[in-house]
Structure formats: C-alpha cells, structure tokens
Amino acid sequence: MAGYSLEIAADRAGVEPGEMTRLTELGILTSDADVGYSDADVRRVQVVRALERAGLEPRAWRIFSDEDPSRCGSWTRPARTSSRP
C-alpha cells in the first residue's frame, strides 16, 4: 500500500506539515521518499499530541520509534509481577 504525502498525512493527523517533519527528525515517525507516511504514523502523531498536552516532552522518549528499540532501555523490559497471592 502506498503511503501518504507529508501534506496529506499532516491533514489526516490534524497537524501542520512542520509538526510531521519535527516528529520525523526526532525519530518518532518514519517516512520514505518512495512510500511516504503510513496510517501508523498518523496515529503516532495523535498519540504524541495527547502526550504533549499531558506535559510529556517527546525529546525525552522515543518509544514509538521502530529504528532501534534498544534505545528505550528499561522501558522495553516487562514489568515485574508481584509474588504476593
């Protein structure tokens, strides 16, 4: 499936094209010149915007980046479960 152009993806996500570019530069979104932005990228933008409204700064996390999950460190490890009954 072909992806969306910058302008169309931004419109679908409800942001300006510059916001898509900013999130791509941060490694949160992935875009290929031949493929464009995906539906998953559009959803990521919407989640990022919600997190920003809640006061979380995207430079502090890149959990949405598929590029190198090891950068997330302990965030990607399963949570410990309690041994209590």
Protein backbone atom coordinates (compact mmCIF):
# COMPACT_ATOMS: atom_id res chain seq x y z
CA MET A 1 0.00 0.00 0.00
CA ALA A 2 1.29 3.45 -0.87
CA GLY A 3 1.70 5.90 1.96
CA TYR A 4 0.58 9.47 2.37
CA SER A 5 2.44 12.59 1.30
CA LEU A 6 3.59 14.94 4.05
CA GLU A 7 0.67 17.29 3.47
CA ILE A 8 -1.99 14.57 3.40
CA ALA A 9 -0.56 12.77 6.46
CA ALA A 10 -0.46 16.07 8.38
CA ASP A 11 -4.05 16.80 7.41
CA ARG A 12 -5.18 13.33 8.50
CA ALA A 13 -3.33 13.74 11.81
CA GLY A 14 -4.73 17.23 12.38
CA VAL A 15 -1.36 18.99 12.49
CA GLU A 16 0.71 21.29 10.30
CA PRO A 17 3.26 19.68 7.94
CA GLY A 18 6.07 21.18 10.04
CA GLU A 19 4.93 19.08 13.00
CA MET A 20 5.24 15.91 10.91
CA THR A 21 8.74 16.97 9.91
CA ARG A 22 9.69 17.69 13.54
CA LEU A 23 8.49 14.26 14.70
CA THR A 24 10.29 12.58 11.82
CA GLU A 25 13.52 14.35 12.77
CA LEU A 26 13.05 13.16 16.36
CA GLY A 27 12.78 9.57 15.08
CA ILE A 28 9.20 9.15 16.23
CA LEU A 29 7.85 8.89 12.68
CA THR A 30 9.34 7.13 9.71
CA SER A 31 8.94 8.35 6.18
CA ASP A 32 10.40 7.03 2.98
CA ALA A 33 10.52 9.26 -0.08
CA ASP A 34 9.11 6.40 -2.17
CA VAL A 35 6.50 5.23 0.33
CA GLY A 36 5.51 8.26 2.41
CA TYR A 37 3.80 8.23 5.81
CA SER A 38 1.63 5.34 6.97
CA ASP A 39 -1.63 5.10 8.90
CA ALA A 40 0.51 4.08 11.90
CA ASP A 41 2.47 7.34 11.57
CA VAL A 42 -0.78 9.31 11.59
CA ARG A 43 -1.87 7.50 14.77
CA ARG A 44 1.55 8.11 16.35
CA VAL A 45 1.15 11.85 15.78
CA GLN A 46 -2.21 11.79 17.51
CA VAL A 47 -0.75 9.92 20.49
CA VAL A 48 2.25 12.23 20.66
CA ARG A 49 -0.01 15.28 20.65
CA ALA A 50 -2.05 13.81 23.52
CA LEU A 51 1.12 13.09 25.49
CA GLU A 52 2.40 16.61 24.86
CA ARG A 53 -0.89 18.06 26.10
CA ALA A 54 -0.37 15.97 29.24
CA GLY A 55 3.03 17.61 29.71
CA LEU A 56 5.38 14.94 28.37
CA GLU A 57 8.22 16.16 26.14
CA PRO A 58 8.84 13.95 23.07
CA ARG A 59 12.60 14.56 23.14
CA ALA A 60 12.67 12.60 26.40
CA TRP A 61 11.26 9.43 24.84
CA ARG A 62 11.26 7.69 21.54
CA ILE A 63 9.17 4.67 22.38
CA PHE A 64 7.34 4.96 19.07
CA SER A 65 10.49 4.60 17.01
CA ASP A 66 10.97 1.24 15.29
CA GLU A 67 14.51 2.21 14.35
CA ASP A 68 16.31 0.96 17.47
CA PRO A 69 14.16 -0.37 20.32
CA SER A 70 17.26 -0.88 22.49
CA ARG A 71 17.43 2.91 22.98
CA CYS A 72 14.43 2.62 25.24
CA GLY A 73 16.44 0.72 27.85
CA SER A 74 14.39 -0.43 30.80
CA TRP A 75 11.17 0.96 29.30
CA THR A 76 11.03 -2.00 26.95
CA ARG A 77 11.54 -4.64 29.64
CA PRO A 78 8.48 -6.43 31.01
CA ALA A 79 7.23 -5.13 34.33
CA ARG A 80 7.92 -7.27 37.34
CA THR A 81 4.98 -9.10 38.75
CA SER A 82 4.35 -9.39 42.43
CA SER A 83 4.81 -12.77 44.05
CA ARG A 84 2.05 -11.99 46.52
CA PRO A 85 -1.08 -14.16 46.34
